[in-house]
Amino acid sequence: MWFKNLTLYRLKKWEETPESLAKKLTKRALQTCGGADMQTVGWVSPKSEGDPIIHQLGSQLLISLGIEKKLLPATVVNQFTKARATEIEEQQGYKPGRKELKEIKENMVDELLPRAFTIRSKINAWIDPVDGWMIIDAANLSKADEMVTQLTKTLDGFAVSLIKTKLSPSSTMTSWLSANEAPASFTIDQDCELRGRGESGSTVRYVKHALELDEISKHLKAGKEVTKMAMTWNDKLSFVIHENLQLKKITPLDLIKEQADINGEDDSFDTDFAMMTGELKKLIPSIVNELGGEI
């Protein structure tokens, strides 16, 4: 259950015990979509249905926000709307106007919703009350914002802020790439994106490509900056760091996989969670320190 993407938050206020947190999450557990509901949001077990709503390992907490959404493609709605409009035209002798078409479409949505298929997804968050972190596994900030919003509604006084560093991630990555030298314990891999300054700046992407080319030096001298770059830490984890400090494409490497095999237990979920939190509790401070520390 390794997180694939990391959005980093600092806990500004955390007063919950595992017991109080579980009680509050349970009160806002995910409910099944009703006939007229397009989507419902609520808390679910991180592990599987029927397991505790919080997964706890020592002081580390794992929670999951569940989202149940009905699938009602616009093409289906339009198809039924067109058919209904044709029926009305045949009855009335003239085509429905724009306002009437809008009402027909809204009525079709109401009719089709109870018959629509539903899908479930979830967003995971790891809470570390000891070091004051909250890490959300979200590929984009809108999903992370949804988790924060729901926690704010669920927990009185809950407050977090996105981690910000004294040094700009983009400028610092540009310096590393320009010198072709990463800080200790890190290596630069073969993916990166360069972008020119300003809204109209051009973008150049390299994927699985050696980054020691003269071509890259020319881009850097022309004023382009690194907006994302693939790196490896301690031969254990590879990732892509973005200009907003999100870490994406987290991949545990062979060294960690071998260690997991040696320390394997019956419950691989617990093993993965323990190894993930153990390694990320070292990786994240290392990156923040290389960026000058938190503001």
Protein backbone atom coordinates (compact mmCIF):
# COMPACT_ATOMS: atom_id res chain seq x y z
CA MET A 1 0.00 0.00 0.00
CA TRP A 2 2.87 2.37 -0.72
CA PHE A 3 1.74 5.92 -1.48
CA LYS A 4 2.39 6.82 -5.12
CA ASN A 5 2.15 10.59 -4.71
CA LEU A 6 2.90 12.83 -1.75
CA THR A 7 1.35 16.19 -0.93
CA LEU A 8 3.07 17.47 2.21
CA TYR A 9 1.30 19.28 5.04
CA ARG A 10 2.36 20.56 8.43
CA LEU A 11 -0.11 19.88 11.24
CA LYS A 12 -0.78 23.26 12.82
CA LYS A 13 -3.28 21.97 15.34
CA TRP A 14 -3.86 18.35 16.30
CA GLU A 15 -5.66 17.42 19.47
CA GLU A 16 -7.05 14.01 18.55
CA THR A 17 -6.30 10.67 20.14
CA PRO A 18 -6.75 7.54 18.00
CA GLU A 19 -9.95 6.85 19.95
CA SER A 20 -11.46 10.30 19.46
CA LEU A 21 -10.43 10.35 15.81
CA ALA A 22 -12.06 6.98 15.15
CA LYS A 23 -15.27 8.08 16.84
CA LYS A 24 -15.52 11.27 14.78
CA LEU A 25 -14.69 9.57 11.48
CA THR A 26 -17.29 6.88 12.14
CA LYS A 27 -19.99 9.54 12.56
CA ARG A 28 -19.26 10.72 9.01
CA ALA A 29 -18.71 7.32 7.41
CA LEU A 30 -19.33 6.95 3.68
CA GLN A 31 -22.97 6.39 2.77
CA THR A 32 -24.24 4.71 -0.40
CA CYS A 33 -25.49 7.05 -3.11
CA GLY A 34 -29.25 7.47 -2.93
CA GLY A 35 -31.50 7.58 -5.97
CA ALA A 36 -31.01 11.30 -6.59
CA ASP A 37 -27.40 11.54 -5.38
CA MET A 38 -24.66 12.06 -7.94
CA GLN A 39 -21.90 11.60 -5.37
CA THR A 40 -21.37 10.92 -1.68
CA VAL A 41 -18.24 11.44 0.41
CA GLY A 42 -17.32 9.93 3.77
CA TRP A 43 -14.73 8.00 5.74
CA VAL A 44 -13.91 4.35 5.07
CA SER A 45 -11.45 1.78 6.39
CA PRO A 46 -7.99 2.18 4.81
CA LYS A 47 -7.58 -1.58 4.68
CA SER A 48 -10.84 -3.24 3.68
CA GLU A 49 -14.53 -3.10 4.49
CA GLY A 50 -15.20 -4.28 8.03
CA ASP A 51 -11.75 -3.32 9.32
CA PRO A 52 -11.21 -0.37 11.72
CA ILE A 53 -11.78 3.07 10.29
CA ILE A 54 -8.23 4.00 11.36
CA HIS A 55 -5.21 1.86 10.63
CA GLN A 56 -2.74 2.44 13.45
CA LEU A 57 0.85 1.27 13.73
CA GLY A 58 2.52 2.68 16.83
CA SER A 59 1.97 6.42 16.70
CA GLN A 60 1.40 6.45 12.93
CA LEU A 61 -2.16 6.76 11.66
CA LEU A 62 -3.63 5.96 8.26
CA ILE A 63 -7.09 7.21 7.26
CA SER A 64 -9.08 7.06 4.02
CA LEU A 65 -11.70 9.30 2.50
CA GLY A 66 -14.15 7.32 0.38
CA ILE A 67 -15.94 8.75 -2.64
CA GLU A 68 -18.89 7.00 -4.27
CA LYS A 69 -19.86 8.46 -7.60
CA LYS A 70 -22.51 7.59 -10.16
CA LEU A 71 -21.47 7.13 -13.77
CA LEU A 72 -23.80 9.06 -16.03
CA PRO A 73 -21.94 9.97 -19.23
CA ALA A 74 -23.01 13.15 -21.01
CA THR A 75 -23.40 11.16 -24.25
CA VAL A 76 -26.05 8.96 -22.61
CA VAL A 77 -27.93 11.96 -21.19
CA ASN A 78 -27.81 13.70 -24.57
CA GLN A 79 -29.03 10.58 -26.36
CA PHE A 80 -32.08 10.22 -24.13
CA THR A 81 -32.71 13.98 -24.20
CA LYS A 82 -32.71 13.96 -28.00
CA ALA A 83 -35.13 11.03 -28.10
CA ARG A 84 -37.50 12.71 -25.64
CA ALA A 85 -37.31 16.00 -27.58
CA THR A 86 -38.21 14.13 -30.77
CA GLU A 87 -41.28 12.62 -29.07
CA ILE A 88 -42.41 16.05 -27.87
CA GLU A 89 -41.87 17.52 -31.36
CA GLU A 90 -44.07 14.83 -32.88
CA GLN A 91 -46.78 15.54 -30.30
CA GLN A 92 -46.60 19.35 -30.47
CA GLY A 93 -45.75 19.76 -34.13
CA TYR A 94 -42.74 21.98 -33.46
CA LYS A 95 -39.28 21.62 -31.91
CA PRO A 96 -38.83 22.39 -28.20
CA GLY A 97 -37.14 25.72 -27.53
CA ARG A 98 -33.86 26.21 -25.71
CA LYS A 99 -35.50 26.63 -22.29
CA GLU A 100 -37.69 23.55 -22.79
CA LEU A 101 -34.67 21.50 -23.96
CA LYS A 102 -32.84 22.45 -20.78
CA GLU A 103 -35.81 21.27 -18.67
CA ILE A 104 -36.00 18.02 -20.66
CA LYS A 105 -32.29 17.39 -20.04
CA GLU A 106 -32.63 18.05 -16.31
CA ASN A 107 -35.61 15.67 -16.11
CA MET A 108 -33.64 12.99 -17.98
CA VAL A 109 -30.80 13.26 -15.47
CA ASP A 110 -33.31 12.77 -12.64
CA GLU A 111 -34.77 9.73 -14.39
CA LEU A 112 -31.42 8.12 -15.25
CA LEU A 113 -29.61 8.69 -11.93
CA PRO A 114 -31.33 5.84 -10.01
CA ARG A 115 -30.30 3.43 -12.78
CA ALA A 116 -26.69 4.61 -13.10
CA PHE A 117 -23.74 2.44 -12.11
CA THR A 118 -21.62 3.59 -9.15
CA ILE A 119 -17.88 3.44 -8.61
CA ARG A 120 -15.91 3.90 -5.41
CA SER A 121 -12.51 5.45 -4.95
CA LYS A 122 -10.58 6.65 -1.93
CA ILE A 123 -7.88 9.10 -0.95
CA ASN A 124 -5.40 8.02 1.71
CA ALA A 125 -3.71 10.24 4.29
CA TRP A 126 -0.91 9.35 6.68
CA ILE A 127 -0.89 11.35 9.91
CA ASP A 128 2.26 11.52 12.00
CA PRO A 129 1.32 13.30 15.26
CA VAL A 130 4.86 12.92 16.63
CA ASP A 131 6.66 14.83 13.88
CA GLY A 132 3.63 16.92 12.98
CA TRP A 133 3.18 15.78 9.38
CA MET A 134 0.16 14.91 7.31
CA ILE A 135 0.94 13.30 3.96
CA ILE A 136 -1.84 12.83 1.41
CA ASP A 137 -1.55 10.34 -1.43
CA ALA A 138 -2.97 12.55 -4.18
CA ALA A 139 -1.79 13.11 -7.73
CA ASN A 140 -3.32 16.59 -7.85
CA LEU A 141 -3.97 19.31 -5.32
CA SER A 142 -7.75 19.24 -5.80
CA LYS A 143 -7.92 15.72 -4.33
CA ALA A 144 -5.67 16.75 -1.46
CA ASP A 145 -7.90 19.79 -0.88
CA GLU A 146 -10.93 17.49 -0.70
CA MET A 147 -9.28 15.46 2.06
CA VAL A 148 -8.38 18.62 4.00
CA THR A 149 -11.91 20.01 3.55
CA GLN A 150 -13.54 16.85 4.89
CA LEU A 151 -11.15 16.67 7.85
CA THR A 152 -11.98 20.29 8.66
CA LYS A 153 -15.69 19.41 8.67
CA THR A 154 -15.10 16.30 10.78
CA LEU A 155 -12.60 17.54 13.39
CA ASP A 156 -13.11 20.65 15.50
CA GLY A 157 -10.10 22.95 15.34
CA PHE A 158 -8.26 20.90 12.71
CA ALA A 159 -5.69 23.00 10.84
CA VAL A 160 -2.88 22.25 8.41
CA SER A 161 -0.76 24.17 5.94
CA LEU A 162 1.14 23.08 2.86
CA ILE A 163 4.85 22.71 3.53
CA LYS A 164 6.82 25.63 2.10
CA THR A 165 10.60 25.87 2.02
CA LYS A 166 13.01 28.78 2.19
CA LEU A 167 14.54 27.86 -1.15
CA SER A 168 12.47 27.51 -4.30
CA PRO A 169 12.28 23.86 -5.42
CA SER A 170 12.45 24.97 -9.05
CA SER A 171 15.55 27.16 -8.62
CA THR A 172 17.28 24.55 -6.46
CA MET A 173 16.60 21.72 -8.93
CA THR A 174 17.90 23.98 -11.70
CA SER A 175 21.14 24.46 -9.77
CA TRP A 176 21.50 20.71 -9.22
CA LEU A 177 20.95 19.98 -12.90
CA SER A 178 23.24 22.79 -14.03
CA ALA A 179 26.06 21.43 -11.88
CA ASN A 180 25.04 17.84 -12.74
CA GLU A 181 25.40 17.11 -9.05
CA ALA A 182 22.68 16.22 -6.55
CA PRO A 183 23.09 16.60 -2.79
CA ALA A 184 24.43 13.72 -0.70
CA SER A 185 22.22 10.61 -0.66
CA PHE A 186 20.44 11.72 -3.86
CA THR A 187 21.05 11.05 -7.54
CA ILE A 188 19.54 12.70 -10.59
CA ASP A 189 17.71 10.27 -12.85
CA GLN A 190 16.71 10.52 -16.50
CA ASP A 191 13.41 12.44 -16.49
CA CYS A 192 12.99 16.18 -16.21
CA GLU A 193 10.95 19.10 -17.48
CA LEU A 194 12.31 22.57 -18.26
CA ARG A 195 10.16 25.64 -18.74
CA GLY A 196 10.93 29.17 -19.83
CA ARG A 197 10.06 32.10 -17.62
CA GLY A 198 6.71 33.80 -18.01
CA GLU A 199 3.28 32.50 -18.95
CA SER A 200 4.28 32.01 -22.60
CA GLY A 201 7.52 30.20 -21.78
CA SER A 202 8.18 27.09 -23.84
CA THR A 203 8.44 23.67 -22.18
CA VAL A 204 10.96 20.91 -22.91
CA ARG A 205 10.56 17.38 -21.52
CA TYR A 206 13.11 14.60 -21.29
CA VAL A 207 11.93 11.06 -20.56
CA LYS A 208 14.42 8.23 -19.90
CA HIS A 209 17.09 10.41 -21.43
CA ALA A 210 20.63 11.21 -20.27
CA LEU A 211 20.62 14.69 -18.74
CA GLU A 212 24.29 15.59 -19.31
CA LEU A 213 23.65 16.90 -22.83
CA ASP A 214 24.97 20.23 -24.14
CA GLU A 215 21.40 20.81 -25.28
CA ILE A 216 20.24 20.99 -21.67
CA SER A 217 23.00 23.47 -20.81
CA LYS A 218 21.78 25.69 -23.64
CA HIS A 219 18.23 25.59 -22.30
CA LEU A 220 19.45 26.48 -18.81
CA LYS A 221 21.62 29.33 -20.11
CA ALA A 222 18.61 30.60 -22.05
CA GLY A 223 16.76 31.01 -18.75
CA LYS A 224 14.69 27.86 -18.54
CA GLU A 225 14.16 26.38 -15.08
CA VAL A 226 13.46 22.86 -13.92
CA THR A 227 9.80 22.34 -13.02
CA LYS A 228 10.06 18.61 -12.27
CA MET A 229 12.89 16.15 -12.04
CA ALA A 230 13.27 12.43 -11.35
CA MET A 231 15.59 11.52 -8.51
CA THR A 232 16.62 8.55 -6.36
CA TRP A 233 17.29 8.65 -2.64
CA ASN A 234 19.76 6.30 -0.94
CA ASP A 235 19.20 3.65 -3.63
CA LYS A 236 15.88 2.97 -1.86
CA LEU A 237 13.22 5.23 -3.37
CA SER A 238 12.82 6.86 -6.75
CA PHE A 239 10.43 9.78 -7.25
CA VAL A 240 9.72 12.90 -9.28
CA ILE A 241 9.90 16.18 -7.40
CA HIS A 242 7.75 19.03 -8.72
CA GLU A 243 8.15 22.78 -8.42
CA ASN A 244 5.29 22.92 -5.88
CA LEU A 245 7.11 20.36 -3.67
CA GLN A 246 4.79 17.50 -4.55
CA LEU A 247 6.56 14.16 -4.85
CA LYS A 248 5.10 11.85 -7.48
CA LYS A 249 5.74 8.38 -8.89
CA ILE A 250 7.12 7.12 -5.57
CA THR A 251 8.69 3.72 -6.26
CA PRO A 252 10.41 1.50 -3.70
CA LEU A 253 13.54 -0.01 -5.24
CA ASP A 254 15.07 -3.48 -4.95
CA LEU A 255 16.85 -2.71 -1.69
CA ILE A 256 13.54 -2.07 0.07
CA LYS A 257 11.81 -4.98 -1.66
CA GLU A 258 14.55 -7.34 -0.49
CA GLN A 259 14.23 -6.01 3.03
CA ALA A 260 10.47 -6.52 2.88
CA ASP A 261 11.01 -10.14 1.84
CA ILE A 262 13.42 -10.72 4.73
CA ASN A 263 11.09 -9.10 7.27
CA GLY A 264 7.94 -10.43 5.64
CA GLU A 265 4.93 -11.06 7.83
CA ASP A 266 1.54 -12.60 7.26
CA ASP A 267 0.01 -9.11 7.00
CA SER A 268 1.80 -7.43 4.09
CA PHE A 269 -0.35 -4.31 4.56
CA ASP A 270 1.22 -3.70 7.99
CA THR A 271 4.69 -4.48 6.64
CA ASP A 272 4.33 -2.04 3.75
CA PHE A 273 2.90 0.68 5.98
CA ALA A 274 5.71 0.26 8.49
CA MET A 275 8.40 0.37 5.81
CA MET A 276 6.78 3.25 3.96
CA THR A 277 6.45 5.47 7.03
CA GLY A 278 9.92 4.50 8.22
CA GLU A 279 11.58 5.50 4.94
CA LEU A 280 9.47 8.58 4.23
CA LYS A 281 10.14 9.91 7.76
CA LYS A 282 13.79 10.13 6.60
CA LEU A 283 13.28 11.13 2.98
CA ILE A 284 10.93 14.07 3.55
CA PRO A 285 13.11 15.89 6.12
CA SER A 286 16.13 15.31 3.85
CA ILE A 287 14.42 17.04 0.93
CA VAL A 288 13.11 19.88 3.10
CA ASN A 289 16.59 20.42 4.59
CA GLU A 290 18.17 20.56 1.12
CA LEU A 291 15.64 23.26 0.26
CA GLY A 292 16.71 25.40 3.20
CA GLY A 293 14.18 24.13 5.74
CA GLU A 294 10.58 25.16 6.30
CA ILE A 295 9.42 28.75 6.23
